[in-house]
Amino acid sequence: YKEIIRTPFIMDKVVQLNPNLEVSSD
């Protein structure tokens, strides 16, 4: 689960759903 959370699969969705954060998945 730790690895899943840090994958682009999760991080890309965070970026996509929260454009106000103004960050990249990297």
PDB file of all heavy atoms in Angstrom:
ATOM      1  N   TYR A   1       0.828  -1.213   0.000  1.00  0.00           N
ATOM      2  CA  TYR A   1       0.000   0.000   0.000  1.00  0.00           C
ATOM      3  C   TYR A   1       0.855   1.253   0.000  1.00  0.00           C
ATOM      4  O   TYR A   1       0.502   2.250  -0.639  1.00  0.00           O
ATOM      5  CB  TYR A   1      -0.960  -0.004   1.194  1.00  0.00           C
ATOM      6  CG  TYR A   1      -1.957  -1.139   1.119  1.00  0.00           C
ATOM      7  CD1 TYR A   1      -2.244  -1.912   2.227  1.00  0.00           C
ATOM      8  CD2 TYR A   1      -2.588  -1.459  -0.081  1.00  0.00           C
ATOM      9  CE1 TYR A   1      -3.141  -2.970   2.147  1.00  0.00           C
ATOM     10  CE2 TYR A   1      -3.478  -2.514  -0.166  1.00  0.00           C
ATOM     11  CZ  TYR A   1      -3.753  -3.264   0.947  1.00  0.00           C
ATOM     12  OH  TYR A   1      -4.630  -4.307   0.860  1.00  0.00           O
ATOM     13  N   LYS A   2       1.986   1.194   0.704  1.00  0.00           N
ATOM     14  CA  LYS A   2       2.896   2.334   0.702  1.00  0.00           C
ATOM     15  C   LYS A   2       3.371   2.627  -0.723  1.00  0.00           C
ATOM     16  O   LYS A   2       3.434   3.777  -1.150  1.00  0.00           O
ATOM     17  CB  LYS A   2       4.089   2.052   1.613  1.00  0.00           C
ATOM     18  CG  LYS A   2       3.748   2.167   3.072  1.00  0.00           C
ATOM     19  CD  LYS A   2       4.704   1.538   4.049  1.00  0.00           C
ATOM     20  CE  LYS A   2       6.139   1.728   3.865  1.00  0.00           C
ATOM     21  NZ  LYS A   2       6.957   1.197   4.973  1.00  0.00           N
ATOM     22  N   GLU A   3       3.703   1.572  -1.453  1.00  0.00           N
ATOM     23  CA  GLU A   3       4.172   1.758  -2.834  1.00  0.00           C
ATOM     24  C   GLU A   3       3.042   2.226  -3.745  1.00  0.00           C
ATOM     25  O   GLU A   3       3.246   3.051  -4.628  1.00  0.00           O
ATOM     26  CB  GLU A   3       4.791   0.464  -3.365  1.00  0.00           C
ATOM     27  CG  GLU A   3       6.139   0.136  -2.756  1.00  0.00           C
ATOM     28  CD  GLU A   3       7.126   1.279  -2.877  1.00  0.00           C
ATOM     29  OE1 GLU A   3       7.278   1.848  -3.977  1.00  0.00           O
ATOM     30  OE2 GLU A   3       7.749   1.628  -1.861  1.00  0.00           O
ATOM     31  N   ILE A   4       1.838   1.690  -3.547  1.00  0.00           N
ATOM     32  CA  ILE A   4       0.688   2.103  -4.371  1.00  0.00           C
ATOM     33  C   ILE A   4       0.436   3.598  -4.216  1.00  0.00           C
ATOM     34  O   ILE A   4       0.207   4.308  -5.204  1.00  0.00           O
ATOM     35  CB  ILE A   4      -0.575   1.293  -4.001  1.00  0.00           C
ATOM     36  CG1 ILE A   4      -0.439  -0.158  -4.467  1.00  0.00           C
ATOM     37  CG2 ILE A   4      -1.836   1.915  -4.624  1.00  0.00           C
ATOM     38  CD1 ILE A   4      -1.526  -1.085  -3.941  1.00  0.00           C
ATOM     39  N   ILE A   5       0.483   4.086  -2.983  1.00  0.00           N
ATOM     40  CA  ILE A   5       0.221   5.508  -2.731  1.00  0.00           C
ATOM     41  C   ILE A   5       1.215   6.385  -3.482  1.00  0.00           C
ATOM     42  O   ILE A   5       0.852   7.438  -4.012  1.00  0.00           O
ATOM     43  CB  ILE A   5       0.260   5.802  -1.215  1.00  0.00           C
ATOM     44  CG1 ILE A   5      -0.944   5.151  -0.524  1.00  0.00           C
ATOM     45  CG2 ILE A   5       0.289   7.304  -0.936  1.00  0.00           C
ATOM     46  CD1 ILE A   5      -0.879   5.144   0.985  1.00  0.00           C
ATOM     47  N   ARG A   6       2.456   5.946  -3.598  1.00  0.00           N
ATOM     48  CA  ARG A   6       3.501   6.763  -4.221  1.00  0.00           C
ATOM     49  C   ARG A   6       3.610   6.576  -5.734  1.00  0.00           C
ATOM     50  O   ARG A   6       4.471   7.175  -6.368  1.00  0.00           O
ATOM     51  CB  ARG A   6       4.846   6.461  -3.560  1.00  0.00           C
ATOM     52  CG  ARG A   6       4.900   6.916  -2.112  1.00  0.00           C
ATOM     53  CD  ARG A   6       6.176   6.472  -1.427  1.00  0.00           C
ATOM     54  NE  ARG A   6       7.369   6.841  -2.172  1.00  0.00           N
ATOM     55  CZ  ARG A   6       7.979   8.011  -2.092  1.00  0.00           C
ATOM     56  NH1 ARG A   6       7.515   8.945  -1.292  1.00  0.00           N
ATOM     57  NH2 ARG A   6       9.054   8.255  -2.805  1.00  0.00           N
ATOM     58  N   THR A   7       2.732   5.783  -6.334  1.00  0.00           N
ATOM     59  CA  THR A   7       2.798   5.546  -7.776  1.00  0.00           C
ATOM     60  C   THR A   7       2.191   6.706  -8.564  1.00  0.00           C
ATOM     61  O   THR A   7       1.336   7.433  -8.045  1.00  0.00           O
ATOM     62  CB  THR A   7       2.047   4.260  -8.172  1.00  0.00           C
ATOM     63  OG1 THR A   7       0.685   4.394  -7.768  1.00  0.00           O
ATOM     64  CG2 THR A   7       2.672   3.035  -7.549  1.00  0.00           C
ATOM     65  N   PRO A   8       2.583   6.850  -9.841  1.00  0.00           N
ATOM     66  CA  PRO A   8       1.959   7.860 -10.695  1.00  0.00           C
ATOM     67  C   PRO A   8       0.449   7.646 -10.848  1.00  0.00           C
ATOM     68  O   PRO A   8      -0.290   8.609 -11.057  1.00  0.00           O
ATOM     69  CB  PRO A   8       2.672   7.685 -12.046  1.00  0.00           C
ATOM     70  CG  PRO A   8       3.993   7.100 -11.692  1.00  0.00           C
ATOM     71  CD  PRO A   8       3.735   6.218 -10.499  1.00  0.00           C
ATOM     72  N   PHE A   9      -0.007   6.410 -10.710  1.00  0.00           N
ATOM     73  CA  PHE A   9      -1.452   6.125 -10.814  1.00  0.00           C
ATOM     74  C   PHE A   9      -2.234   6.955  -9.794  1.00  0.00           C
ATOM     75  O   PHE A   9      -3.255   7.564 -10.132  1.00  0.00           O
ATOM     76  CB  PHE A   9      -1.704   4.619 -10.580  1.00  0.00           C
ATOM     77  CG  PHE A   9      -3.151   4.240 -10.622  1.00  0.00           C
ATOM     78  CD1 PHE A   9      -3.818   4.122 -11.825  1.00  0.00           C
ATOM     79  CD2 PHE A   9      -3.857   4.005  -9.446  1.00  0.00           C
ATOM     80  CE1 PHE A   9      -5.156   3.781 -11.867  1.00  0.00           C
ATOM     81  CE2 PHE A   9      -5.194   3.660  -9.476  1.00  0.00           C
ATOM     82  CZ  PHE A   9      -5.848   3.547 -10.690  1.00  0.00           C
ATOM     83  N   ILE A  10      -1.763   7.006  -8.560  1.00  0.00           N
ATOM     84  CA  ILE A  10      -2.435   7.789  -7.514  1.00  0.00           C
ATOM     85  C   ILE A  10      -2.062   9.269  -7.646  1.00  0.00           C
ATOM     86  O   ILE A  10      -2.932  10.142  -7.618  1.00  0.00           O
ATOM     87  CB  ILE A  10      -2.050   7.269  -6.106  1.00  0.00           C
ATOM     88  CG1 ILE A  10      -2.528   5.826  -5.909  1.00  0.00           C
ATOM     89  CG2 ILE A  10      -2.615   8.177  -5.015  1.00  0.00           C
ATOM     90  CD1 ILE A  10      -4.013   5.619  -5.860  1.00  0.00           C
ATOM     91  N   MET A  11      -0.778   9.559  -7.815  1.00  0.00           N
ATOM     92  CA  MET A  11      -0.327  10.951  -7.842  1.00  0.00           C
ATOM     93  C   MET A  11      -0.902  11.728  -9.032  1.00  0.00           C
ATOM     94  O   MET A  11      -1.246  12.897  -8.892  1.00  0.00           O
ATOM     95  CB  MET A  11       1.202  11.016  -7.855  1.00  0.00           C
ATOM     96  CG  MET A  11       1.852  10.474  -6.593  1.00  0.00           C
ATOM     97  SD  MET A  11       1.238  11.278  -5.109  1.00  0.00           S
ATOM     98  CE  MET A  11       2.106  10.370  -3.858  1.00  0.00           C
ATOM     99  N   ASP A  12      -1.005  11.084 -10.195  1.00  0.00           N
ATOM    100  CA  ASP A  12      -1.599  11.754 -11.363  1.00  0.00           C
ATOM    101  C   ASP A  12      -3.054  12.123 -11.109  1.00  0.00           C
ATOM    102  O   ASP A  12      -3.519  13.187 -11.510  1.00  0.00           O
ATOM    103  CB  ASP A  12      -1.497  10.865 -12.605  1.00  0.00           C
ATOM    104  CG  ASP A  12      -0.077  10.774 -13.148  1.00  0.00           C
ATOM    105  OD1 ASP A  12       0.767  11.602 -12.745  1.00  0.00           O
ATOM    106  OD2 ASP A  12       0.198   9.876 -13.967  1.00  0.00           O
ATOM    107  N   LYS A  13      -3.774  11.248 -10.418  1.00  0.00           N
ATOM    108  CA  LYS A  13      -5.182  11.544 -10.099  1.00  0.00           C
ATOM    109  C   LYS A  13      -5.287  12.689  -9.095  1.00  0.00           C
ATOM    110  O   LYS A  13      -6.199  13.509  -9.180  1.00  0.00           O
ATOM    111  CB  LYS A  13      -5.858  10.287  -9.558  1.00  0.00           C
ATOM    112  CG  LYS A  13      -6.207   9.305 -10.658  1.00  0.00           C
ATOM    113  CD  LYS A  13      -7.285   8.349 -10.206  1.00  0.00           C
ATOM    114  CE  LYS A  13      -7.948   7.672 -11.322  1.00  0.00           C
ATOM    115  NZ  LYS A  13      -7.507   6.662 -12.072  1.00  0.00           N
ATOM    116  N   VAL A  14      -4.355  12.744  -8.147  1.00  0.00           N
ATOM    117  CA  VAL A  14      -4.348  13.846  -7.177  1.00  0.00           C
ATOM    118  C   VAL A  14      -4.145  15.171  -7.902  1.00  0.00           C
ATOM    119  O   VAL A  14      -4.855  16.144  -7.652  1.00  0.00           O
ATOM    120  CB  VAL A  14      -3.253  13.636  -6.105  1.00  0.00           C
ATOM    121  CG1 VAL A  14      -3.105  14.878  -5.227  1.00  0.00           C
ATOM    122  CG2 VAL A  14      -3.555  12.415  -5.244  1.00  0.00           C
ATOM    123  N   VAL A  15      -3.187  15.184  -8.830  1.00  0.00           N
ATOM    124  CA  VAL A  15      -2.915  16.402  -9.600  1.00  0.00           C
ATOM    125  C   VAL A  15      -4.121  16.785 -10.464  1.00  0.00           C
ATOM    126  O   VAL A  15      -4.517  17.951 -10.530  1.00  0.00           O
ATOM    127  CB  VAL A  15      -1.649  16.219 -10.477  1.00  0.00           C
ATOM    128  CG1 VAL A  15      -1.479  17.374 -11.453  1.00  0.00           C
ATOM    129  CG2 VAL A  15      -0.417  16.079  -9.594  1.00  0.00           C
ATOM    130  N   GLN A  16      -4.719  15.778 -11.097  1.00  0.00           N
ATOM    131  CA  GLN A  16      -5.865  16.006 -11.977  1.00  0.00           C
ATOM    132  C   GLN A  16      -7.072  16.537 -11.204  1.00  0.00           C
ATOM    133  O   GLN A  16      -7.749  17.459 -11.661  1.00  0.00           O
ATOM    134  CB  GLN A  16      -6.224  14.691 -12.667  1.00  0.00           C
ATOM    135  CG  GLN A  16      -7.401  14.782 -13.616  1.00  0.00           C
ATOM    136  CD  GLN A  16      -7.780  13.400 -14.169  1.00  0.00           C
ATOM    137  OE1 GLN A  16      -7.195  12.383 -13.807  1.00  0.00           O
ATOM    138  NE2 GLN A  16      -8.772  13.391 -15.025  1.00  0.00           N
ATOM    139  N   LEU A  17      -7.337  15.998 -10.028  1.00  0.00           N
ATOM    140  CA  LEU A  17      -8.508  16.388  -9.243  1.00  0.00           C
ATOM    141  C   LEU A  17      -8.284  17.654  -8.421  1.00  0.00           C
ATOM    142  O   LEU A  17      -9.240  18.246  -7.919  1.00  0.00           O
ATOM    143  CB  LEU A  17      -8.924  15.247  -8.298  1.00  0.00           C
ATOM    144  CG  LEU A  17      -9.427  13.973  -8.976  1.00  0.00           C
ATOM    145  CD1 LEU A  17      -9.598  12.853  -7.955  1.00  0.00           C
ATOM    146  CD2 LEU A  17     -10.744  14.233  -9.703  1.00  0.00           C
ATOM    147  N   ASN A  18      -7.023  18.064  -8.279  1.00  0.00           N
ATOM    148  CA  ASN A  18      -6.699  19.235  -7.447  1.00  0.00           C
ATOM    149  C   ASN A  18      -5.784  20.197  -8.185  1.00  0.00           C
ATOM    150  O   ASN A  18      -4.632  20.406  -7.770  1.00  0.00           O
ATOM    151  CB  ASN A  18      -6.036  18.780  -6.142  1.00  0.00           C
ATOM    152  CG  ASN A  18      -6.924  17.872  -5.330  1.00  0.00           C
ATOM    153  OD1 ASN A  18      -7.792  18.331  -4.617  1.00  0.00           O
ATOM    154  ND2 ASN A  18      -6.720  16.576  -5.455  1.00  0.00           N
ATOM    155  N   PRO A  19      -6.258  20.819  -9.266  1.00  0.00           N
ATOM    156  CA  PRO A  19      -5.393  21.741 -10.024  1.00  0.00           C
ATOM    157  C   PRO A  19      -4.970  22.968  -9.206  1.00  0.00           C
ATOM    158  O   PRO A  19      -3.962  23.595  -9.508  1.00  0.00           O
ATOM    159  CB  PRO A  19      -6.261  22.150 -11.221  1.00  0.00           C
ATOM    160  CG  PRO A  19      -7.669  21.869 -10.799  1.00  0.00           C
ATOM    161  CD  PRO A  19      -7.608  20.735  -9.825  1.00  0.00           C
ATOM    162  N   ASN A  20      -5.730  23.290  -8.162  1.00  0.00           N
ATOM    163  CA  ASN A  20      -5.392  24.445  -7.319  1.00  0.00           C
ATOM    164  C   ASN A  20      -4.084  24.241  -6.545  1.00  0.00           C
ATOM    165  O   ASN A  20      -3.489  25.203  -6.078  1.00  0.00           O
ATOM    166  CB  ASN A  20      -6.524  24.736  -6.341  1.00  0.00           C
ATOM    167  CG  ASN A  20      -6.826  23.542  -5.440  1.00  0.00           C
ATOM    168  OD1 ASN A  20      -6.809  22.392  -5.878  1.00  0.00           O
ATOM    169  ND2 ASN A  20      -7.115  23.808  -4.186  1.00  0.00           N
ATOM    170  N   LEU A  21      -3.620  22.994  -6.424  1.00  0.00           N
ATOM    171  CA  LEU A  21      -2.359  22.723  -5.729  1.00  0.00           C
ATOM    172  C   LEU A  21      -1.158  23.192  -6.548  1.00  0.00           C
ATOM    173  O   LEU A  21      -0.097  23.476  -6.000  1.00  0.00           O
ATOM    174  CB  LEU A  21      -2.218  21.230  -5.420  1.00  0.00           C
ATOM    175  CG  LEU A  21      -3.226  20.643  -4.437  1.00  0.00           C
ATOM    176  CD1 LEU A  21      -3.042  19.142  -4.326  1.00  0.00           C
ATOM    177  CD2 LEU A  21      -3.103  21.314  -3.082  1.00  0.00           C
ATOM    178  N   GLU A  22      -1.322  23.228  -7.867  1.00  0.00           N
ATOM    179  CA  GLU A  22      -0.272  23.686  -8.782  1.00  0.00           C
ATOM    180  C   GLU A  22       1.043  22.941  -8.568  1.00  0.00           C
ATOM    181  O   GLU A  22       2.106  23.543  -8.395  1.00  0.00           O
ATOM    182  CB  GLU A  22      -0.064  25.194  -8.646  1.00  0.00           C
ATOM    183  CG  GLU A  22      -1.298  25.999  -9.007  1.00  0.00           C
ATOM    184  CD  GLU A  22      -1.131  27.486  -8.777  1.00  0.00           C
ATOM    185  OE1 GLU A  22      -0.116  27.904  -8.181  1.00  0.00           O
ATOM    186  OE2 GLU A  22      -2.018  28.237  -9.205  1.00  0.00           O
ATOM    187  N   VAL A  23       0.948  21.601  -8.567  1.00  0.00           N
ATOM    188  CA  VAL A  23       2.126  20.744  -8.420  1.00  0.00           C
ATOM    189  C   VAL A  23       2.074  19.639  -9.462  1.00  0.00           C
ATOM    190  O   VAL A  23       1.028  19.356 -10.024  1.00  0.00           O
ATOM    191  CB  VAL A  23       2.206  20.113  -7.005  1.00  0.00           C
ATOM    192  CG1 VAL A  23       2.448  21.163  -5.951  1.00  0.00           C
ATOM    193  CG2 VAL A  23       0.966  19.317  -6.683  1.00  0.00           C
ATOM    194  N   SER A  24       3.228  19.014  -9.691  1.00  0.00           N
ATOM    195  CA  SER A  24       3.279  17.875 -10.604  1.00  0.00           C
ATOM    196  C   SER A  24       3.268  16.586  -9.788  1.00  0.00           C
ATOM    197  O   SER A  24       3.557  16.590  -8.593  1.00  0.00           O
ATOM    198  CB  SER A  24       4.548  17.933 -11.454  1.00  0.00           C
ATOM    199  OG  SER A  24       5.684  17.732 -10.629  1.00  0.00           O
ATOM    200  N   SER A  25       2.979  15.487 -10.451  1.00  0.00           N
ATOM    201  CA  SER A  25       2.978  14.197  -9.746  1.00  0.00           C
ATOM    202  C   SER A  25       4.394  13.826  -9.304  1.00  0.00           C
ATOM    203  O   SER A  25       4.577  13.195  -8.261  1.00  0.00           O
ATOM    204  CB  SER A  25       2.353  13.099 -10.610  1.00  0.00           C
ATOM    205  OG  SER A  25       3.040  12.982 -11.823  1.00  0.00           O
ATOM    206  N   ASP A  26       5.407  14.223 -10.076  1.00  0.00           N
ATOM    207  CA  ASP A  26       6.801  13.966  -9.669  1.00  0.00           C
ATOM    208  C   ASP A  26       7.132  14.708  -8.375  1.00  0.00           C
ATOM    209  O   ASP A  26       7.782  14.163  -7.481  1.00  0.00           O
ATOM    210  CB  ASP A  26       7.783  14.402 -10.761  1.00  0.00           C
ATOM    211  CG  ASP A  26       7.724  13.499 -11.978  1.00  0.00           C
ATOM    212  OD1 ASP A  26       7.312  12.334 -11.833  1.00  0.00           O
ATOM    213  OD2 ASP A  26       8.089  13.955 -13.073  1.00  0.00           O
TER     214      ASP A  26
END
